[in-house]
N, C-alpha and C. Protein backbone atom coordinates (compact mmCIF):
# COMPACT_ATOMS: atom_id res chain seq x y z
N MET A 1 59.03 78.75 124.01
CA MET A 1 57.63 79.05 123.83
C MET A 1 57.03 79.34 125.22
N ARG A 2 56.28 80.41 125.33
CA ARG A 2 55.65 80.81 126.58
C ARG A 2 54.37 80.00 126.84
N ILE A 3 53.89 80.08 128.07
CA ILE A 3 52.75 79.26 128.48
C ILE A 3 51.48 79.58 127.69
N LYS A 4 51.26 80.85 127.34
CA LYS A 4 50.08 81.21 126.55
C LYS A 4 50.12 80.54 125.18
N GLU A 5 51.30 80.51 124.57
CA GLU A 5 51.45 79.88 123.25
C GLU A 5 51.24 78.37 123.36
N VAL A 6 51.71 77.79 124.45
CA VAL A 6 51.53 76.35 124.69
C VAL A 6 50.04 76.04 124.86
N CYS A 7 49.34 76.90 125.57
CA CYS A 7 47.90 76.70 125.77
C CYS A 7 47.16 76.72 124.43
N LYS A 8 47.53 77.65 123.57
CA LYS A 8 46.91 77.72 122.24
C LYS A 8 47.24 76.48 121.42
N ALA A 9 48.47 76.02 121.50
CA ALA A 9 48.91 74.87 120.69
C ALA A 9 48.31 73.55 121.17
N THR A 10 48.04 73.45 122.47
CA THR A 10 47.58 72.18 123.03
C THR A 10 46.09 72.15 123.34
N GLY A 11 45.47 73.33 123.46
CA GLY A 11 44.07 73.40 123.87
C GLY A 11 43.89 73.27 125.37
N LEU A 12 44.98 73.27 126.11
CA LEU A 12 44.92 73.18 127.57
C LEU A 12 44.83 74.57 128.18
N THR A 13 44.33 74.63 129.39
CA THR A 13 44.31 75.90 130.11
C THR A 13 45.65 76.10 130.81
N ASP A 14 45.90 77.34 131.18
CA ASP A 14 47.09 77.67 131.96
C ASP A 14 47.12 76.84 133.25
N LYS A 15 45.96 76.72 133.87
CA LYS A 15 45.85 75.97 135.13
C LYS A 15 46.21 74.50 134.92
N ALA A 16 45.75 73.90 133.82
CA ALA A 16 46.05 72.49 133.54
C ALA A 16 47.55 72.30 133.31
N VAL A 17 48.14 73.18 132.52
CA VAL A 17 49.58 73.07 132.24
C VAL A 17 50.37 73.17 133.55
N ARG A 18 50.01 74.12 134.39
CA ARG A 18 50.70 74.27 135.67
C ARG A 18 50.48 73.05 136.58
N LEU A 19 49.28 72.47 136.52
CA LEU A 19 49.00 71.26 137.29
C LEU A 19 49.93 70.12 136.86
N TYR A 20 50.11 69.96 135.55
CA TYR A 20 50.98 68.90 135.04
C TYR A 20 52.44 69.17 135.40
N ILE A 21 52.82 70.42 135.44
CA ILE A 21 54.18 70.77 135.87
C ILE A 21 54.34 70.45 137.36
N ASN A 22 53.37 70.87 138.17
CA ASN A 22 53.44 70.63 139.62
C ASN A 22 53.42 69.14 139.96
N ASN A 23 52.77 68.34 139.13
CA ASN A 23 52.74 66.89 139.36
C ASN A 23 53.88 66.17 138.65
N GLU A 24 54.83 66.96 138.13
CA GLU A 24 56.06 66.46 137.52
C GLU A 24 55.83 65.54 136.33
N LEU A 25 54.77 65.83 135.56
CA LEU A 25 54.57 65.11 134.31
C LEU A 25 55.42 65.72 133.21
N ILE A 26 55.73 66.98 133.37
CA ILE A 26 56.50 67.72 132.38
C ILE A 26 57.47 68.64 133.13
N HIS A 27 58.63 68.87 132.52
CA HIS A 27 59.69 69.62 133.20
C HIS A 27 60.26 70.71 132.27
N PRO A 28 59.50 71.77 132.01
CA PRO A 28 60.03 72.83 131.14
C PRO A 28 61.07 73.66 131.87
N ASN A 29 61.92 74.32 131.09
CA ASN A 29 62.88 75.27 131.67
C ASN A 29 62.10 76.46 132.21
N PHE A 30 62.65 77.11 133.23
CA PHE A 30 61.98 78.28 133.78
C PHE A 30 62.98 79.24 134.39
N GLN A 31 62.51 80.48 134.54
CA GLN A 31 63.26 81.51 135.26
C GLN A 31 62.32 82.11 136.29
N GLU A 32 62.87 82.42 137.46
CA GLU A 32 62.07 83.08 138.50
C GLU A 32 61.88 84.53 138.12
N GLY A 33 60.64 84.98 138.12
CA GLY A 33 60.35 86.38 137.86
C GLY A 33 60.58 87.21 139.11
N TYR A 34 60.60 88.50 138.94
CA TYR A 34 60.82 89.39 140.09
C TYR A 34 59.68 89.28 141.11
N ASN A 35 58.50 88.83 140.65
CA ASN A 35 57.36 88.70 141.55
C ASN A 35 57.26 87.31 142.18
N GLY A 36 58.25 86.46 141.93
CA GLY A 36 58.28 85.12 142.50
C GLY A 36 57.59 84.07 141.64
N ARG A 37 56.95 84.50 140.58
CA ARG A 37 56.27 83.57 139.69
C ARG A 37 57.27 83.04 138.65
N ARG A 38 57.12 81.77 138.34
CA ARG A 38 58.03 81.16 137.38
C ARG A 38 57.59 81.49 135.95
N ASN A 39 58.55 81.85 135.13
CA ASN A 39 58.31 82.09 133.71
C ASN A 39 58.85 80.88 132.95
N TYR A 40 57.93 80.08 132.43
CA TYR A 40 58.32 78.83 131.78
C TYR A 40 58.68 79.06 130.32
N ASP A 41 59.62 78.24 129.86
CA ASP A 41 60.02 78.24 128.45
C ASP A 41 59.90 76.80 127.95
N PHE A 42 58.90 76.54 127.12
CA PHE A 42 58.59 75.19 126.64
C PHE A 42 59.24 74.95 125.28
N CYS A 43 59.77 73.75 125.12
CA CYS A 43 60.31 73.36 123.82
C CYS A 43 59.24 72.53 123.09
N GLU A 44 59.51 72.17 121.85
CA GLU A 44 58.55 71.39 121.06
C GLU A 44 58.27 70.02 121.68
N ASP A 45 59.28 69.42 122.30
CA ASP A 45 59.06 68.14 122.98
C ASP A 45 58.08 68.28 124.14
N ASP A 46 58.16 69.40 124.87
CA ASP A 46 57.21 69.67 125.96
C ASP A 46 55.79 69.78 125.43
N VAL A 47 55.63 70.49 124.33
CA VAL A 47 54.31 70.67 123.72
C VAL A 47 53.77 69.32 123.25
N SER A 48 54.63 68.53 122.64
CA SER A 48 54.22 67.19 122.18
C SER A 48 53.78 66.32 123.35
N LEU A 49 54.52 66.37 124.43
CA LEU A 49 54.17 65.59 125.62
C LEU A 49 52.86 66.09 126.23
N LEU A 50 52.65 67.39 126.27
CA LEU A 50 51.40 67.94 126.79
C LEU A 50 50.20 67.49 125.96
N LYS A 51 50.38 67.41 124.65
CA LYS A 51 49.30 66.92 123.78
C LYS A 51 48.97 65.46 124.11
N LYS A 52 50.00 64.67 124.37
CA LYS A 52 49.78 63.27 124.74
C LYS A 52 49.08 63.17 126.09
N ILE A 53 49.50 63.99 127.03
CA ILE A 53 48.86 64.00 128.36
C ILE A 53 47.40 64.40 128.23
N ALA A 54 47.12 65.42 127.42
CA ALA A 54 45.73 65.86 127.22
C ALA A 54 44.88 64.74 126.63
N LEU A 55 45.44 64.01 125.69
CA LEU A 55 44.72 62.89 125.08
C LEU A 55 44.43 61.81 126.11
N LEU A 56 45.41 61.45 126.91
CA LEU A 56 45.21 60.44 127.95
C LEU A 56 44.19 60.90 128.99
N ARG A 57 44.19 62.18 129.32
CA ARG A 57 43.21 62.70 130.28
C ARG A 57 41.80 62.63 129.70
N ARG A 58 41.66 62.84 128.38
CA ARG A 58 40.34 62.72 127.75
C ARG A 58 39.82 61.29 127.86
N TYR A 59 40.70 60.34 127.96
CA TYR A 59 40.33 58.93 128.14
C TYR A 59 40.29 58.55 129.62
N ASN A 60 40.25 59.56 130.48
CA ASN A 60 40.07 59.39 131.93
C ASN A 60 41.23 58.70 132.64
N PHE A 61 42.42 58.78 132.09
CA PHE A 61 43.58 58.30 132.83
C PHE A 61 43.89 59.33 133.90
N SER A 62 44.19 58.87 135.10
CA SER A 62 44.52 59.79 136.20
C SER A 62 45.92 60.36 135.99
N ILE A 63 46.18 61.45 136.66
CA ILE A 63 47.51 62.06 136.58
C ILE A 63 48.55 61.09 137.12
N GLN A 64 48.23 60.40 138.21
CA GLN A 64 49.17 59.44 138.79
C GLN A 64 49.45 58.30 137.81
N THR A 65 48.43 57.82 137.13
CA THR A 65 48.61 56.73 136.16
C THR A 65 49.48 57.19 134.99
N ILE A 66 49.24 58.40 134.51
CA ILE A 66 50.06 58.94 133.41
C ILE A 66 51.51 59.05 133.87
N LYS A 67 51.70 59.51 135.09
CA LYS A 67 53.07 59.63 135.63
C LYS A 67 53.75 58.26 135.67
N GLU A 68 53.00 57.23 136.10
CA GLU A 68 53.56 55.88 136.12
C GLU A 68 53.96 55.44 134.72
N MET A 69 53.11 55.72 133.73
CA MET A 69 53.43 55.31 132.36
C MET A 69 54.63 56.07 131.81
N LEU A 70 54.75 57.36 132.17
CA LEU A 70 55.90 58.14 131.72
C LEU A 70 57.18 57.64 132.36
N ASP A 71 57.08 57.21 133.61
CA ASP A 71 58.26 56.74 134.34
C ASP A 71 58.67 55.33 133.95
N ASP A 72 57.70 54.51 133.50
CA ASP A 72 57.99 53.10 133.22
C ASP A 72 57.14 52.61 132.05
N ASN A 73 57.74 52.58 130.86
CA ASN A 73 57.02 52.11 129.67
C ASN A 73 56.58 50.65 129.80
N ASP A 74 57.26 49.87 130.62
CA ASP A 74 56.92 48.45 130.75
C ASP A 74 55.57 48.23 131.43
N CYS A 75 55.06 49.23 132.15
CA CYS A 75 53.78 49.06 132.86
C CYS A 75 52.57 49.43 132.00
N ILE A 76 52.79 49.93 130.80
CA ILE A 76 51.69 50.44 129.98
C ILE A 76 50.66 49.37 129.68
N SER A 77 51.08 48.17 129.35
CA SER A 77 50.14 47.10 129.04
C SER A 77 49.24 46.79 130.22
N GLU A 78 49.83 46.69 131.40
CA GLU A 78 49.06 46.40 132.62
C GLU A 78 48.13 47.57 132.96
N VAL A 79 48.61 48.78 132.84
CA VAL A 79 47.80 49.96 133.12
C VAL A 79 46.62 50.02 132.16
N LEU A 80 46.88 49.75 130.89
CA LEU A 80 45.81 49.78 129.89
C LEU A 80 44.76 48.71 130.18
N GLU A 81 45.21 47.52 130.56
CA GLU A 81 44.28 46.44 130.90
C GLU A 81 43.41 46.83 132.09
N ASN A 82 44.01 47.39 133.14
CA ASN A 82 43.25 47.84 134.31
C ASN A 82 42.27 48.95 133.96
N HIS A 83 42.74 49.89 133.15
CA HIS A 83 41.89 51.02 132.77
C HIS A 83 40.71 50.54 131.91
N LEU A 84 40.95 49.61 131.03
CA LEU A 84 39.89 49.05 130.20
C LEU A 84 38.85 48.35 131.08
N PHE A 85 39.31 47.56 132.04
CA PHE A 85 38.41 46.87 132.95
C PHE A 85 37.56 47.87 133.74
N ASN A 86 38.21 48.89 134.30
CA ASN A 86 37.49 49.89 135.10
C ASN A 86 36.49 50.67 134.25
N THR A 87 36.87 50.98 133.02
CA THR A 87 35.97 51.71 132.12
C THR A 87 34.76 50.86 131.77
N LYS A 88 34.98 49.58 131.51
CA LYS A 88 33.85 48.69 131.22
C LYS A 88 32.92 48.59 132.43
N GLN A 89 33.49 48.52 133.62
CA GLN A 89 32.69 48.44 134.84
C GLN A 89 31.87 49.72 135.03
N THR A 90 32.48 50.86 134.80
CA THR A 90 31.78 52.14 134.92
C THR A 90 30.65 52.22 133.90
N LEU A 91 30.93 51.78 132.69
CA LEU A 91 29.91 51.79 131.64
C LEU A 91 28.75 50.87 132.00
N ALA A 92 29.04 49.71 132.56
CA ALA A 92 27.98 48.78 132.98
C ALA A 92 27.14 49.40 134.09
N GLU A 93 27.79 50.06 135.05
CA GLU A 93 27.06 50.71 136.14
C GLU A 93 26.19 51.84 135.60
N SER A 94 26.73 52.62 134.67
CA SER A 94 25.96 53.71 134.07
C SER A 94 24.78 53.17 133.29
N SER A 95 24.98 52.05 132.62
CA SER A 95 23.90 51.43 131.86
C SER A 95 22.77 50.98 132.79
N MET A 96 23.14 50.41 133.95
CA MET A 96 22.15 49.98 134.92
C MET A 96 21.38 51.18 135.48
N VAL A 97 22.07 52.27 135.75
CA VAL A 97 21.42 53.48 136.23
C VAL A 97 20.46 54.01 135.18
N LEU A 98 20.90 54.03 133.94
CA LEU A 98 20.05 54.51 132.85
C LEU A 98 18.80 53.64 132.70
N THR A 99 18.96 52.33 132.79
CA THR A 99 17.82 51.42 132.70
C THR A 99 16.82 51.69 133.82
N ASN A 100 17.31 51.82 135.05
CA ASN A 100 16.42 52.08 136.18
C ASN A 100 15.73 53.44 136.06
N LEU A 101 16.44 54.45 135.57
CA LEU A 101 15.83 55.76 135.38
C LEU A 101 14.76 55.70 134.30
N ASN A 102 15.04 54.98 133.22
CA ASN A 102 14.02 54.81 132.17
C ASN A 102 12.81 54.07 132.71
N ASN A 103 13.03 53.02 133.51
CA ASN A 103 11.91 52.29 134.11
C ASN A 103 11.07 53.21 134.99
N ALA A 104 11.74 54.05 135.76
CA ALA A 104 11.02 54.98 136.62
C ALA A 104 10.22 55.97 135.79
N HIS A 105 10.84 56.47 134.74
CA HIS A 105 10.16 57.43 133.87
C HIS A 105 8.97 56.80 133.16
N ASN A 106 9.13 55.58 132.66
CA ASN A 106 8.07 54.89 131.92
C ASN A 106 6.95 54.40 132.82
N SER A 107 7.22 54.21 134.10
CA SER A 107 6.18 53.71 135.00
C SER A 107 5.34 54.84 135.58
N SER A 108 5.64 56.06 135.22
CA SER A 108 4.87 57.23 135.66
C SER A 108 4.68 57.24 137.17
N VAL A 109 5.78 57.18 137.88
CA VAL A 109 5.70 57.21 139.34
C VAL A 109 5.09 58.53 139.78
N SER A 110 4.33 58.46 140.87
CA SER A 110 3.62 59.66 141.32
C SER A 110 4.05 60.13 142.71
N ASN A 111 4.91 59.34 143.38
CA ASN A 111 5.35 59.77 144.70
C ASN A 111 6.75 59.23 144.97
N LEU A 112 7.34 59.69 146.05
CA LEU A 112 8.72 59.31 146.38
C LEU A 112 8.86 57.83 146.64
N GLU A 113 7.89 57.24 147.33
CA GLU A 113 7.93 55.81 147.64
C GLU A 113 8.07 55.00 146.36
N ASP A 114 7.18 55.28 145.40
CA ASP A 114 7.20 54.54 144.13
C ASP A 114 8.50 54.77 143.38
N LEU A 115 8.95 56.02 143.35
CA LEU A 115 10.20 56.34 142.66
C LEU A 115 11.37 55.56 143.24
N CYS A 116 11.50 55.57 144.55
CA CYS A 116 12.61 54.88 145.20
C CYS A 116 12.49 53.36 145.04
N ASP A 117 11.26 52.85 145.04
CA ASP A 117 11.07 51.41 144.83
C ASP A 117 11.54 51.01 143.43
N VAL A 118 11.17 51.79 142.42
CA VAL A 118 11.58 51.47 141.04
C VAL A 118 13.09 51.61 140.89
N LEU A 119 13.65 52.68 141.45
CA LEU A 119 15.10 52.91 141.30
C LEU A 119 15.94 51.91 142.08
N SER A 120 15.39 51.32 143.14
CA SER A 120 16.17 50.39 143.95
C SER A 120 16.24 48.99 143.35
N GLN A 121 15.49 48.74 142.30
CA GLN A 121 15.54 47.43 141.66
C GLN A 121 16.92 47.22 141.03
N ASN A 122 17.42 46.02 141.14
CA ASN A 122 18.70 45.61 140.54
C ASN A 122 19.92 46.28 141.17
N LEU A 123 19.78 46.86 142.35
CA LEU A 123 20.94 47.47 142.99
C LEU A 123 21.64 46.46 143.89
N GLU A 124 22.94 46.63 144.01
CA GLU A 124 23.72 45.83 144.94
C GLU A 124 23.35 46.26 146.36
N PRO A 125 23.61 45.43 147.39
CA PRO A 125 23.23 45.78 148.77
C PRO A 125 23.76 47.13 149.23
N ASN A 126 25.02 47.44 148.96
CA ASN A 126 25.55 48.73 149.43
C ASN A 126 24.91 49.90 148.69
N GLU A 127 24.54 49.69 147.43
CA GLU A 127 23.86 50.73 146.68
C GLU A 127 22.44 50.91 147.22
N PHE A 128 21.83 49.80 147.65
CA PHE A 128 20.48 49.86 148.20
C PHE A 128 20.48 50.66 149.50
N ASP A 129 21.52 50.50 150.32
CA ASP A 129 21.64 51.28 151.55
C ASP A 129 21.69 52.77 151.23
N LEU A 130 22.45 53.12 150.19
CA LEU A 130 22.53 54.50 149.77
C LEU A 130 21.15 54.98 149.30
N MET A 131 20.43 54.12 148.56
CA MET A 131 19.10 54.49 148.09
C MET A 131 18.17 54.73 149.27
N ASN A 132 18.27 53.92 150.33
CA ASN A 132 17.43 54.13 151.52
C ASN A 132 17.76 55.46 152.19
N THR A 133 19.03 55.81 152.22
CA THR A 133 19.43 57.09 152.79
C THR A 133 18.83 58.24 151.98
N VAL A 134 18.91 58.13 150.67
CA VAL A 134 18.33 59.15 149.79
C VAL A 134 16.82 59.20 150.00
N LYS A 135 16.21 58.04 150.08
CA LYS A 135 14.76 57.94 150.28
C LYS A 135 14.35 58.62 151.59
N ASP A 136 15.08 58.37 152.66
CA ASP A 136 14.78 59.01 153.95
C ASP A 136 14.93 60.52 153.86
N PHE A 137 15.98 60.97 153.21
CA PHE A 137 16.21 62.40 153.04
C PHE A 137 15.06 63.04 152.26
N LEU A 138 14.67 62.40 151.16
CA LEU A 138 13.58 62.93 150.35
C LEU A 138 12.27 62.94 151.12
N ASN A 139 12.04 61.95 151.95
CA ASN A 139 10.83 61.92 152.76
C ASN A 139 10.81 63.08 153.76
N LYS A 140 11.96 63.43 154.32
CA LYS A 140 12.03 64.56 155.23
C LYS A 140 11.72 65.87 154.49
N ILE A 141 12.27 65.98 153.29
CA ILE A 141 12.01 67.17 152.48
C ILE A 141 10.53 67.25 152.13
N LYS A 142 9.95 66.10 151.78
CA LYS A 142 8.55 66.05 151.35
C LYS A 142 7.63 66.62 152.42
N LYS A 143 7.95 66.39 153.68
CA LYS A 143 7.10 66.89 154.76
C LYS A 143 7.17 68.40 154.88
N LYS A 144 8.24 69.00 154.37
CA LYS A 144 8.43 70.43 154.52
C LYS A 144 8.06 71.23 153.28
N ILE A 145 7.92 70.59 152.16
CA ILE A 145 7.67 71.29 150.90
C ILE A 145 6.34 70.80 150.33
N PRO A 146 5.53 71.69 149.79
CA PRO A 146 4.29 71.24 149.16
C PRO A 146 4.56 70.20 148.07
N LEU A 147 3.59 69.33 147.86
CA LEU A 147 3.75 68.20 146.95
C LEU A 147 4.11 68.63 145.53
N PHE A 148 3.49 69.66 145.02
CA PHE A 148 3.75 70.03 143.63
C PHE A 148 5.19 70.48 143.42
N ILE A 149 5.78 71.11 144.41
CA ILE A 149 7.19 71.52 144.30
C ILE A 149 8.08 70.29 144.34
N THR A 150 7.72 69.32 145.17
CA THR A 150 8.48 68.08 145.24
C THR A 150 8.46 67.35 143.90
N VAL A 151 7.31 67.27 143.27
CA VAL A 151 7.19 66.60 141.97
C VAL A 151 8.01 67.32 140.92
N ILE A 152 7.94 68.63 140.91
CA ILE A 152 8.72 69.42 139.95
C ILE A 152 10.21 69.21 140.21
N ALA A 153 10.62 69.24 141.45
CA ALA A 153 12.03 69.06 141.79
C ALA A 153 12.51 67.67 141.39
N LEU A 154 11.71 66.65 141.67
CA LEU A 154 12.09 65.29 141.30
C LEU A 154 12.18 65.13 139.80
N SER A 155 11.25 65.73 139.08
CA SER A 155 11.28 65.67 137.61
C SER A 155 12.56 66.30 137.09
N ALA A 156 12.92 67.43 137.67
CA ALA A 156 14.15 68.10 137.25
C ALA A 156 15.37 67.25 137.57
N VAL A 157 15.40 66.64 138.75
CA VAL A 157 16.53 65.79 139.15
C VAL A 157 16.64 64.60 138.20
N ILE A 158 15.51 63.96 137.90
CA ILE A 158 15.54 62.82 136.99
C ILE A 158 16.02 63.25 135.62
N ALA A 159 15.55 64.39 135.13
CA ALA A 159 15.97 64.88 133.82
C ALA A 159 17.47 65.16 133.80
N ILE A 160 17.99 65.77 134.86
CA ILE A 160 19.42 66.09 134.92
C ILE A 160 20.24 64.81 134.99
N ILE A 161 19.80 63.86 135.79
CA ILE A 161 20.53 62.59 135.91
C ILE A 161 20.52 61.86 134.57
N LEU A 162 19.36 61.82 133.92
CA LEU A 162 19.27 61.17 132.61
C LEU A 162 20.20 61.84 131.61
N LEU A 163 20.19 63.16 131.58
CA LEU A 163 21.05 63.89 130.66
C LEU A 163 22.52 63.60 130.94
N ALA A 164 22.90 63.58 132.22
CA ALA A 164 24.30 63.31 132.58
C ALA A 164 24.69 61.89 132.19
N VAL A 165 23.84 60.93 132.47
CA VAL A 165 24.15 59.54 132.15
C VAL A 165 24.25 59.36 130.64
N ILE A 166 23.31 59.94 129.91
CA ILE A 166 23.34 59.82 128.44
C ILE A 166 24.60 60.46 127.89
N THR A 167 24.97 61.62 128.43
CA THR A 167 26.19 62.29 127.98
C THR A 167 27.42 61.42 128.24
N VAL A 168 27.50 60.85 129.42
CA VAL A 168 28.64 59.98 129.76
C VAL A 168 28.66 58.77 128.84
N LEU A 169 27.50 58.15 128.65
CA LEU A 169 27.44 56.96 127.80
C LEU A 169 27.83 57.28 126.36
N LEU A 170 27.29 58.36 125.83
CA LEU A 170 27.62 58.73 124.45
C LEU A 170 29.10 59.07 124.30
N THR A 171 29.65 59.76 125.30
CA THR A 171 31.07 60.09 125.26
C THR A 171 31.92 58.83 125.28
N LYS A 172 31.58 57.91 126.18
CA LYS A 172 32.35 56.68 126.29
C LYS A 172 32.20 55.83 125.03
N LEU A 173 30.99 55.77 124.48
CA LEU A 173 30.79 55.02 123.25
C LEU A 173 31.57 55.65 122.10
N PHE A 174 31.54 56.99 122.02
CA PHE A 174 32.28 57.69 120.98
C PHE A 174 33.78 57.40 121.11
N LEU A 175 34.28 57.49 122.34
CA LEU A 175 35.70 57.23 122.57
C LEU A 175 36.04 55.77 122.31
N TYR A 176 35.13 54.87 122.62
CA TYR A 176 35.37 53.44 122.42
C TYR A 176 35.46 53.11 120.93
N PHE A 177 34.61 53.72 120.12
CA PHE A 177 34.56 53.40 118.70
C PHE A 177 35.47 54.27 117.85
N SER A 178 36.08 55.29 118.46
CA SER A 178 36.96 56.14 117.65
C SER A 178 38.41 55.74 117.78
């Protein structure tokens, strides 16, 4: 089976399939073409493995982690436990971000100071340092851009962040319950 047929069968892109080959997750037969490009020939087992890899990638397993699991079935339990822990931590962090963004939105902040004060609540010290850096950057921008453009830009940024966080949360919840 050629790479185009594999892409149709798995829903993966040509680039993704080649990435998995280059990272030695899959080892299809190949012939060197006259132009130096490899012409791969995939068997049904290769396609089945690519479908499994695609599923694991949808659950945010890294390529290196998938390689470890393919190389050693005995590590799967430990890898799954670590991945579950990390996913829960990411979800908790996203939830905190969403809460702070909602608080900022509901408090009708009118300037950068107020926005950064609301968003900095409940942050860990290292996150607060990052917030101060962002706050300083925004203050520099504020001096150079008229206020109404700043408000519009901040509204757009908050809307985009909210949309991204909600999308991540809904995806993770969907994946968790499915």
